Protein backbone atom coordinates (compact mmCIF):
# COMPACT_ATOMS: atom_id res chain seq x y z
CA UNK A 1 -5.75 -1.72 38.40
CA UNK A 2 -4.91 -1.57 42.05
CA UNK A 3 -2.80 -4.21 43.78
CA UNK A 4 -5.74 -4.96 46.04
CA UNK A 5 -8.03 -5.67 43.10
CA UNK A 6 -5.51 -7.89 41.34
CA UNK A 7 -4.80 -9.77 44.59
CA UNK A 8 -8.50 -10.57 44.88
CA UNK A 9 -8.73 -12.23 41.47
CA UNK A 10 -9.06 -16.00 41.31
CA UNK A 11 -6.35 -17.81 39.35
CA UNK A 12 -8.53 -20.92 39.22
CA UNK A 13 -11.51 -19.01 37.83
CA UNK A 14 -9.50 -17.21 35.16
CA UNK A 15 -7.66 -20.39 34.20
CA UNK A 16 -10.98 -22.11 33.58
CA UNK A 17 -12.17 -19.20 31.43
CA UNK A 18 -9.05 -19.47 29.28
CA UNK A 19 -9.34 -23.24 29.02
CA UNK A 20 -12.85 -22.81 27.62
CA UNK A 21 -11.83 -20.06 25.22
CA UNK A 22 -8.67 -21.76 23.97
CA UNK A 23 -10.34 -25.13 23.81
CA UNK A 24 -12.81 -24.03 21.16
CA UNK A 25 -11.08 -21.57 18.85
CA UNK A 26 -13.44 -22.53 16.06
CA UNK A 27 -16.54 -21.34 17.89
CA UNK A 28 -17.97 -18.05 16.64
CA UNK A 29 -19.21 -17.42 20.16
CA UNK A 30 -15.71 -17.51 21.63
CA UNK A 31 -13.82 -15.69 18.87
CA UNK A 32 -10.08 -16.10 18.52
CA UNK A 33 -7.01 -15.81 20.71
CA UNK A 34 -3.48 -15.42 19.36
CA UNK A 35 -0.19 -15.43 21.24
CA UNK A 36 3.19 -14.01 20.24
CA UNK A 37 6.35 -15.87 21.17
CA UNK A 38 9.99 -14.81 21.01
CA UNK A 39 12.89 -16.88 19.68
CA UNK A 40 13.14 -18.68 23.03
CA UNK A 41 9.45 -19.71 22.73
CA UNK A 42 8.47 -17.46 25.64
CA UNK A 43 5.02 -15.88 25.33
CA UNK A 44 5.53 -12.11 25.13
CA UNK A 45 2.00 -11.01 24.32
CA UNK A 46 -1.53 -12.11 23.42
CA UNK A 47 -4.72 -10.77 21.92
CA UNK A 48 -8.27 -12.06 22.21
CA UNK A 49 -11.23 -10.89 20.11
CA UNK A 50 -14.62 -12.05 18.95
CA UNK A 51 -18.29 -11.11 18.60
CA UNK A 52 -19.43 -8.25 20.83
CA UNK A 53 -21.00 -9.32 24.12
CA UNK A 54 -23.08 -6.14 24.51
CA UNK A 55 -26.58 -5.72 23.11
CA UNK A 56 -26.07 -2.00 22.58
CA UNK A 57 -22.56 -2.19 21.12
CA UNK A 58 -22.00 0.07 18.06
CA UNK A 59 -19.93 -2.68 16.40
CA UNK A 60 -20.42 -6.39 15.86
CA UNK A 61 -16.86 -7.25 16.93
CA UNK A 62 -15.15 -6.77 20.30
CA UNK A 63 -11.51 -6.75 21.31
CA UNK A 64 -11.63 -8.69 24.57
CA UNK A 65 -8.03 -8.21 25.67
CA UNK A 66 -4.55 -7.32 24.48
CA UNK A 67 -1.51 -7.60 26.74
CA UNK A 68 2.22 -7.35 25.96
CA UNK A 69 5.40 -7.57 28.01
CA UNK A 70 7.05 -4.19 28.50
CA UNK A 71 10.14 -5.19 26.51
CA UNK A 72 7.99 -5.54 23.38
CA UNK A 73 6.57 -2.04 23.57
CA UNK A 74 7.28 0.20 20.55
CA UNK A 75 8.26 -2.79 18.42
CA UNK A 76 5.03 -2.90 16.39
CA UNK A 77 3.86 -6.13 18.04
CA UNK A 78 0.60 -4.52 19.17
CA UNK A 79 -0.11 -3.49 15.57
CA UNK A 80 0.44 -6.99 14.28
CA UNK A 81 -1.66 -8.66 16.97
CA UNK A 82 -4.55 -6.24 16.44
CA UNK A 83 -4.38 -6.58 12.69
CA UNK A 84 -4.46 -10.37 12.79
CA UNK A 85 -7.15 -10.64 15.46
CA UNK A 86 -9.55 -8.04 14.04
CA UNK A 87 -8.81 -8.45 10.36
CA UNK A 88 -9.83 -4.85 9.60
CA UNK A 89 -13.19 -5.10 11.41
CA UNK A 90 -14.63 -2.29 13.48
CA UNK A 91 -14.41 -3.26 17.15
CA UNK A 92 -15.15 -2.16 20.69
CA UNK A 93 -13.02 -2.52 23.81
CA UNK A 94 -13.64 -2.17 27.52
CA UNK A 95 -10.95 -0.08 29.20
CA UNK A 96 -10.22 0.70 32.83
CA UNK A 97 -9.93 4.36 33.81
CA UNK A 98 -6.17 4.41 34.35
CA UNK A 99 -5.63 2.96 30.87
CA UNK A 100 -7.30 5.88 29.13
CA UNK A 101 -4.03 7.79 28.80
CA UNK A 102 -2.60 4.84 26.89
CA UNK A 103 -5.47 4.56 24.45
CA UNK A 104 -5.49 8.31 23.66
CA UNK A 105 -2.32 7.53 21.65
CA UNK A 106 -4.42 5.74 19.06
CA UNK A 107 -6.16 8.99 18.17
CA UNK A 108 -9.76 8.08 19.07
CA UNK A 109 -11.78 11.15 20.20
CA UNK A 110 -13.88 11.01 23.37
CA UNK A 111 -17.62 10.58 22.98
CA UNK A 112 -18.44 11.00 26.65
CA UNK A 113 -21.23 8.42 27.06
CA UNK A 114 -21.16 6.71 30.44
CA UNK A 115 -22.71 3.95 32.48
CA UNK A 116 -22.47 2.76 36.06
CA UNK A 117 -22.56 -0.87 34.95
CA UNK A 118 -19.59 -3.18 35.37
CA UNK A 119 -18.45 -4.86 32.15
CA UNK A 120 -18.55 -8.44 33.48
CA UNK A 121 -16.43 -7.60 36.54
CA UNK A 122 -13.47 -6.78 34.26
CA UNK A 123 -13.30 -3.24 35.60
CA UNK A 124 -12.51 -3.15 39.31
CA UNK A 125 -14.88 -1.52 41.75
CA UNK A 126 -14.08 1.63 43.68
CA UNK A 127 -13.40 4.88 41.85
CA UNK A 128 -12.60 3.48 38.44
CA UNK A 129 -13.38 6.09 35.81
CA UNK A 130 -13.88 4.90 32.25
CA UNK A 131 -15.26 6.71 29.18
CA UNK A 132 -16.86 5.60 25.93
CA UNK A 133 -14.75 6.50 22.88
CA UNK A 134 -15.45 6.51 19.14
CA UNK A 135 -12.78 6.55 16.47
CA UNK A 136 -12.54 8.87 13.49
CA UNK A 137 -11.03 7.48 10.28
CA UNK A 138 -7.21 7.67 10.12
CA UNK A 139 -6.23 11.26 9.29
CA UNK A 140 -9.85 12.44 9.62
CA UNK A 141 -11.79 14.42 12.19
CA UNK A 142 -14.40 13.40 14.78
CA UNK A 143 -18.04 13.72 13.70
CA UNK A 144 -18.74 17.50 13.85
CA UNK A 145 -22.34 16.82 14.88
CA UNK A 146 -21.30 14.82 17.91
CA UNK A 147 -21.88 16.67 21.16
CA UNK A 148 -18.65 17.55 22.96
CA UNK A 149 -18.61 16.22 26.51
CA UNK A 150 -16.00 16.16 29.27
CA UNK A 151 -13.67 13.17 29.32
CA UNK A 152 -14.02 12.25 33.00
CA UNK A 153 -16.42 12.75 35.84
CA UNK A 154 -15.93 11.75 39.49
CA UNK A 155 -18.26 8.74 39.56
CA UNK A 156 -17.83 5.49 41.43
CA UNK A 157 -18.34 2.98 38.59
CA UNK A 158 -18.24 3.88 34.92
CA UNK A 159 -17.58 1.87 31.84
CA UNK A 160 -15.37 2.61 28.86
CA UNK A 161 -15.93 1.47 25.34
CA UNK A 162 -13.34 2.16 22.67
CA UNK A 163 -14.53 1.88 19.11
CA UNK A 164 -11.88 1.26 16.49
CA UNK A 165 -13.13 1.94 12.98
CA UNK A 166 -11.77 -0.35 10.29
CA UNK A 167 -8.32 0.76 9.20
CA UNK A 168 -7.63 2.78 12.37
CA UNK A 169 -5.75 0.13 14.32
CA UNK A 170 -2.23 1.52 14.60
CA UNK A 171 -0.84 1.88 18.12
CA UNK A 172 2.67 2.67 17.00
CA UNK A 173 2.62 6.45 16.69
CA UNK A 174 0.70 9.51 17.85
CA UNK A 175 0.73 12.21 15.21
CA UNK A 176 -1.48 14.60 17.12
CA UNK A 177 -2.71 15.97 13.79
CA UNK A 178 -6.20 15.10 12.63
CA UNK A 179 -6.24 17.73 9.87
CA UNK A 180 -3.83 16.09 7.45
CA UNK A 181 -5.93 13.81 5.26
CA UNK A 182 -3.26 13.28 2.60
CA UNK A 183 -0.26 12.33 4.75
CA UNK A 184 0.99 8.81 4.21
CA UNK A 185 2.98 6.81 6.72
CA UNK A 186 6.08 5.02 5.42
CA UNK A 187 6.12 1.25 5.75
CA UNK A 188 9.09 -0.82 6.97
CA UNK A 189 10.46 -3.50 4.66
CA UNK A 190 9.94 -6.06 7.43
CA UNK A 191 7.30 -6.05 10.16
CA UNK A 192 8.97 -4.98 13.44
CA UNK A 193 8.04 -8.22 15.18
CA UNK A 194 9.43 -10.27 12.32
CA UNK A 195 12.60 -8.15 12.31
CA UNK A 196 13.05 -8.75 16.04
CA UNK A 197 12.51 -12.48 15.63
CA UNK A 198 14.97 -12.75 12.73
CA UNK A 199 17.62 -10.65 14.50
CA UNK A 200 17.28 -12.69 17.69
CA UNK A 201 17.56 -15.99 15.83
CA UNK A 202 20.65 -14.92 13.88
CA UNK A 203 22.40 -13.48 16.93
CA UNK A 204 21.64 -16.64 18.91
CA UNK A 205 23.25 -18.88 16.28
CA UNK A 206 26.17 -16.45 15.90
CA UNK A 207 26.85 -16.64 19.62
CA UNK A 208 26.50 -20.41 20.04
CA UNK A 209 28.65 -21.20 17.01
CA UNK A 210 31.41 -18.64 17.46
CA UNK A 211 33.73 -21.00 19.35
CA UNK A 212 32.97 -24.07 17.22
CA UNK A 213 35.71 -24.64 14.60
CA UNK A 214 34.20 -27.94 13.40
CA UNK A 215 32.37 -28.49 10.11
CA UNK A 216 29.08 -28.15 11.97
CA UNK A 217 30.14 -24.75 13.31
CA UNK A 218 31.16 -23.65 9.81
CA UNK A 219 27.76 -24.69 8.47
CA UNK A 220 25.91 -22.88 11.25
CA UNK A 221 27.81 -19.64 10.64
CA UNK A 222 27.24 -19.86 6.89
CA UNK A 223 23.52 -19.69 7.58
CA UNK A 224 23.68 -16.47 9.59
CA UNK A 225 26.70 -14.49 8.26
CA UNK A 226 27.52 -13.20 4.80
CA UNK A 227 30.50 -11.69 2.98
CA UNK A 228 33.39 -10.36 5.06
CA UNK A 229 31.40 -11.01 8.26
CA UNK A 230 31.38 -14.75 7.51
CA UNK A 231 35.12 -14.79 6.81
CA UNK A 232 35.77 -12.96 10.08
CA UNK A 233 33.40 -15.23 12.05
CA UNK A 234 35.14 -18.38 10.78
CA UNK A 235 38.54 -16.98 11.71
CA UNK A 236 37.27 -15.98 15.14
CA UNK A 237 35.96 -19.52 15.70
CA UNK A 238 39.45 -20.95 15.17
CA UNK A 239 40.95 -18.46 17.60
CA UNK A 240 38.29 -19.02 20.28
CA UNK A 241 38.41 -22.81 19.90
CA UNK A 242 42.13 -22.70 20.71
CA UNK A 243 41.67 -20.15 23.47
CA UNK A 244 40.64 -20.38 27.10
CA UNK A 245 37.20 -20.87 28.60
CA UNK A 246 37.35 -17.28 29.86
CA UNK A 247 37.95 -15.98 26.34
CA UNK A 248 34.95 -17.87 25.05
CA UNK A 249 32.84 -16.60 27.94
CA UNK A 250 33.92 -13.02 27.22
CA UNK A 251 32.76 -13.42 23.62
CA UNK A 252 29.27 -14.74 24.39
CA UNK A 253 26.44 -12.55 23.11
CA UNK A 254 23.18 -11.87 24.89
CA UNK A 255 20.16 -13.13 22.97
CA UNK A 256 18.04 -10.20 24.17
CA UNK A 257 18.08 -8.24 20.90
CA UNK A 258 16.51 -4.83 20.26
CA UNK A 259 15.70 -3.63 16.76
CA UNK A 260 16.79 -0.01 16.36
CA UNK A 261 15.91 0.58 12.73
CA UNK A 262 14.44 -1.08 9.64
CA UNK A 263 14.75 0.03 6.03
CA UNK A 264 11.61 0.95 4.13
CA UNK A 265 9.45 -1.18 1.89
CA UNK A 266 10.26 0.84 -1.23
CA UNK A 267 14.04 0.37 -0.91
CA UNK A 268 16.10 -1.86 -3.20
CA UNK A 269 17.09 -4.17 -0.35
CA UNK A 270 16.18 -4.67 3.29
CA UNK A 271 18.38 -3.74 6.23
CA UNK A 272 17.87 -4.16 9.96
CA UNK A 273 19.98 -2.39 12.56
CA UNK A 274 19.83 -4.15 15.91
CA UNK A 275 21.55 -3.96 19.28
CA UNK A 276 22.59 -6.77 21.57
CA UNK A 277 25.33 -6.94 24.21
CA UNK A 278 28.17 -9.08 25.48
CA UNK A 279 26.84 -11.25 28.28
CA UNK A 280 29.77 -10.90 30.63
CA UNK A 281 30.60 -7.21 30.30
CA UNK A 282 27.16 -6.02 29.17
CA UNK A 283 28.93 -3.92 26.53
CA UNK A 284 26.48 -3.00 23.74
CA UNK A 285 27.02 -4.44 20.26
CA UNK A 286 25.55 -3.14 16.99
CA UNK A 287 24.45 -5.69 14.39
CA UNK A 288 23.65 -4.96 10.74
CA UNK A 289 21.44 -7.48 8.93
CA UNK A 290 21.00 -7.33 5.17
CA UNK A 291 18.37 -9.17 3.12
CA UNK A 292 16.65 -8.98 -0.25
CA UNK A 293 14.05 -6.41 -1.27
CA UNK A 294 11.22 -8.55 0.11
CA UNK A 295 12.84 -8.70 3.53
CA UNK A 296 13.79 -12.34 3.14
CA UNK A 297 17.13 -14.18 3.44
CA UNK A 298 18.57 -11.72 5.95
CA UNK A 299 22.07 -12.40 7.24
CA UNK A 300 24.54 -10.58 9.47
CA UNK A 301 26.71 -8.26 7.38
CA UNK A 302 28.51 -6.58 10.27
CA UNK A 303 28.79 -6.82 14.04
CA UNK A 304 30.76 -4.40 16.20
CA UNK A 305 30.80 -3.35 19.87
CA UNK A 306 29.96 0.25 20.65
CA UNK A 307 33.05 2.40 21.14
CA UNK A 308 33.65 3.72 24.66
CA UNK A 309 31.46 6.78 25.41
CA UNK A 310 29.90 6.62 21.94
CA UNK A 311 26.21 7.38 21.47
CA UNK A 312 23.99 6.44 18.56
CA UNK A 313 21.47 9.03 17.41
CA UNK A 314 17.81 8.05 17.12
CA UNK A 315 16.42 6.52 13.95
CA UNK A 316 12.87 6.82 12.66
CA UNK A 317 10.32 4.54 14.40
CA UNK A 318 10.55 0.91 13.35
CA UNK A 319 6.83 1.06 12.54
CA UNK A 320 7.67 3.51 9.73
CA UNK A 321 11.16 2.43 8.74
CA UNK A 322 14.28 4.43 7.97
CA UNK A 323 15.62 5.42 4.56
CA UNK A 324 18.73 3.68 3.27
CA UNK A 325 21.95 5.66 3.04
CA UNK A 326 22.38 4.96 -0.69
CA UNK A 327 24.83 7.45 -2.24
CA UNK A 328 24.96 9.61 0.88
CA UNK A 329 23.25 12.62 -0.67
CA UNK A 330 22.68 15.35 1.92
CA UNK A 331 25.45 14.11 4.24
CA UNK A 332 28.64 16.00 5.02
CA UNK A 333 30.48 13.49 2.80
CA UNK A 334 29.85 10.27 0.91
CA UNK A 335 30.19 7.17 3.12
CA UNK A 336 33.09 5.88 1.01
CA UNK A 337 34.92 9.19 1.47
CA UNK A 338 34.41 9.01 5.24
CA UNK A 339 35.82 5.48 5.30
CA UNK A 340 38.84 6.54 3.23
CA UNK A 341 39.48 9.58 5.44
CA UNK A 342 39.39 7.41 8.55
CA UNK A 343 41.73 4.84 6.95
CA UNK A 344 44.29 7.54 6.26
CA UNK A 345 44.01 8.99 9.75
CA UNK A 346 45.06 5.71 11.42
CA UNK A 347 47.79 4.62 8.99
CA UNK A 348 51.26 4.03 10.46
CA UNK A 349 53.90 5.40 10.37
CA UNK A 350 52.45 8.23 8.26
CA UNK A 351 48.88 9.05 9.33
CA UNK A 352 47.01 11.65 7.30
CA UNK A 353 44.88 13.77 9.60
CA UNK A 354 41.41 14.71 8.37
CA UNK A 355 38.99 17.35 9.58
CA UNK A 356 36.21 15.08 8.39
CA UNK A 357 36.74 12.59 11.25
CA UNK A 358 36.37 13.37 14.96
CA UNK A 359 38.77 11.83 17.48
CA UNK A 360 37.58 8.69 19.26
CA UNK A 361 39.04 6.14 21.72
CA UNK A 362 39.14 3.30 19.16
CA UNK A 363 41.17 5.23 16.60
CA UNK A 364 43.50 6.62 19.26
CA UNK A 365 44.02 3.07 20.53
CA UNK A 366 44.98 1.86 17.05
CA UNK A 367 47.60 4.59 16.71
CA UNK A 368 49.06 3.82 20.14
CA UNK A 369 49.20 0.08 19.47
CA UNK A 370 50.97 0.63 16.14
CA UNK A 371 53.51 2.93 17.81
CA UNK A 372 54.07 0.34 20.55
CA UNK A 373 54.66 -2.42 17.95
CA UNK A 374 57.21 -0.26 16.20
CA UNK A 375 58.95 0.61 19.45
CA UNK A 376 59.12 -3.06 20.47
CA UNK A 377 60.94 -3.92 17.23
CA UNK A 378 63.37 -1.10 17.75
CA UNK A 379 66.48 -1.42 15.56
CA UNK A 380 65.59 -5.02 14.62
CA UNK A 381 63.18 -4.04 11.87
CA UNK A 382 60.34 -1.90 10.56
CA UNK A 383 56.64 -2.03 11.35
CA UNK A 384 53.92 -0.55 9.11
CA UNK A 385 50.13 -0.63 9.16
CA UNK A 386 47.71 0.25 6.37
CA UNK A 387 43.91 0.27 6.23
CA UNK A 388 42.29 -0.39 2.85
CA UNK A 389 38.58 0.46 2.48
CA UNK A 390 36.83 -2.34 0.58
CA UNK A 391 33.09 -1.70 0.82
CA UNK A 392 30.20 0.14 2.44
CA UNK A 393 28.15 -2.70 3.89
CA UNK A 394 25.01 -0.69 4.52
CA UNK A 395 23.45 1.98 6.64
CA UNK A 396 20.26 3.78 7.61
CA UNK A 397 19.33 7.44 7.77
CA UNK A 398 18.88 8.92 11.22
CA UNK A 399 15.60 10.38 12.41
CA UNK A 400 14.34 13.00 10.01
CA UNK A 401 17.20 12.30 7.60
CA UNK A 402 19.55 14.49 9.66
CA UNK A 403 22.45 12.10 9.19
CA UNK A 404 23.13 8.40 8.85
CA UNK A 405 24.73 5.45 10.59
CA UNK A 406 26.99 3.68 8.10
CA UNK A 407 28.89 0.37 8.30
CA UNK A 408 32.17 0.18 6.41
CA UNK A 409 34.49 -2.77 5.86
CA UNK A 410 38.27 -2.35 5.59
CA UNK A 411 41.23 -4.71 5.30
CA UNK A 412 44.11 -3.93 7.64
CA UNK A 413 47.62 -5.09 6.80
CA UNK A 414 50.29 -5.22 9.52
CA UNK A 415 53.74 -5.69 8.03
CA UNK A 416 56.95 -6.60 9.88
CA UNK A 417 60.25 -6.52 8.00
CA UNK A 418 63.36 -7.55 9.93
CA UNK A 419 66.78 -6.17 8.99
CA UNK A 420 68.44 -9.53 9.61
CA UNK A 421 67.16 -13.00 10.52
CA UNK A 422 65.83 -13.00 14.04
CA UNK A 423 63.60 -15.33 16.01
CA UNK A 424 60.33 -13.61 16.98
CA UNK A 425 57.36 -15.32 18.62
CA UNK A 426 53.95 -14.26 17.23
CA UNK A 427 50.82 -13.88 19.34
CA UNK A 428 48.69 -16.90 20.27
CA UNK A 429 45.99 -15.59 17.94
CA UNK A 430 48.36 -15.71 14.97
CA UNK A 431 49.47 -19.25 15.85
CA UNK A 432 45.89 -20.48 16.38
CA UNK A 433 44.78 -19.12 13.01
CA UNK A 434 47.81 -19.90 10.84
CA UNK A 435 49.98 -22.37 12.73
CA UNK A 436 52.93 -19.94 12.55
CA UNK A 437 55.13 -20.25 15.63
CA UNK A 438 58.20 -18.27 14.61
CA UNK A 439 58.92 -15.16 12.53
CA UNK A 440 62.49 -14.89 11.26
CA UNK A 441 62.58 -12.32 8.43
CA UNK A 442 59.09 -10.91 7.70
CA UNK A 443 55.40 -11.26 8.42
CA UNK A 444 52.11 -9.98 7.02
CA UNK A 445 48.98 -10.07 9.16
CA UNK A 446 45.59 -9.35 7.54
CA UNK A 447 42.61 -8.28 9.63
CA UNK A 448 38.99 -7.50 8.77
CA UNK A 449 37.75 -4.22 10.22
CA UNK A 450 34.07 -3.38 10.69
CA UNK A 451 33.56 0.29 11.51
CA UNK A 452 30.23 2.02 12.13
CA UNK A 453 30.27 5.77 11.52
CA UNK A 454 27.65 8.37 12.26
CA UNK A 455 27.84 10.74 9.30
CA UNK A 456 25.99 14.01 9.96
CA UNK A 457 24.55 16.50 7.50
CA UNK A 458 27.28 18.90 8.60
CA UNK A 459 30.27 18.77 10.92
CA UNK A 460 32.50 15.79 11.66
CA UNK A 461 31.75 12.11 11.20
CA UNK A 462 32.53 9.94 14.20
CA UNK A 463 33.19 6.29 14.93
CA UNK A 464 30.45 4.76 17.11
CA UNK A 465 31.24 1.03 16.86
CA UNK A 466 34.31 -0.90 15.74
CA UNK A 467 35.73 -4.39 15.60
CA UNK A 468 38.72 -6.06 13.99
CA UNK A 469 39.48 -9.72 13.46
CA UNK A 470 42.69 -11.33 12.26
CA UNK A 471 41.76 -13.46 9.22
CA UNK A 472 45.11 -14.44 7.67
CA UNK A 473 48.84 -14.50 8.42
CA UNK A 474 52.00 -15.21 6.47
CA UNK A 475 55.53 -15.32 7.82
CA UNK A 476 59.04 -16.29 6.85
């Protein structure tokens, strides 16, 4: 609708309409209105539906309005709102002319019937072109006896009516194929809106509790992290609590979370791959959530910033879900083999190069840091670094099954052995975590590593996200 039309609307008048409608949700004359809220309780969309207000309507039910914020598009929220408001009923909807291109995505063929009447001043005057549409069943064809008519004509005022037959309410995908009556659409293990809400809630708690080393902070993290991720989060809390305000600010996560992929309903467990970012630097962060087969009890299993210049290939739409990695069949190598190859390639002082792994800034940085540690010790002692793969935490297949994004966990061991007693001062991180202030003969530092690989069907696997966290230290 034009800016001029919107500017001419009365806020007072529309507010009164909504007060009446929301004030009597039980009235069959007013229908029902539902709103969707995000984790911060902000309204991000609404739907309103009820009995048809037109004497000649082809259905008894009418979808009065559906509106969503742009950031919720392609999340499946429209599907959920429509499903809850209409409950599988056939329905009609008035649509303005410039919205027709949006509604074609639903797959409803054009009927071509027109009228110069205004649908209760909801369609603005002046050149608005609207058509009447009728839906075919999902996967079916339009009625062959229906006369084919042009979609638009240059008239001043026309009305549009969209008819959604029961069961044809999906706005998430446009297949463009009405001939396939047997095709079935995969179902995600968790509804996209629920996945977004869960991911946002967990990331929010993870961010607010990450600098809290108290018992309350431990309890909060235990509710949102699991396995090695919980151990790493608790260690990070001790380090951040002893650090500076700037360090804590650098670690803060944005609570604007985007769901990138969801496992499918038929899988043995549920996984959600989401993306957030660091507030201060805006650096993207990948988050893997793992729950039970019913999509419940999800917790963060891994969290790692995207590696410099790394790109993540597209996954299947969240409205359909993505297949789990499982054994890695069809990939260039099993996920565990990729993790082991990477571990060998960054070992020090004897790395084992592998054609399976492409070079990346994170791995190169590890090698340089290890060499620098060794050089700093010089003739005083020996430095060594090993990476021990412990588990594949999860992963989803990329779009069309062409590859997979896989999260691996490894334990890194940094060992310092001095030739004779010497007084070395460890880093502040080591002291904050372990209380160690001096190293005289030897030290062992254990870190948790969370590495996200993209493993293709052929070619080289590559690191796309990585994070390490010191979790234990011993020294003599």
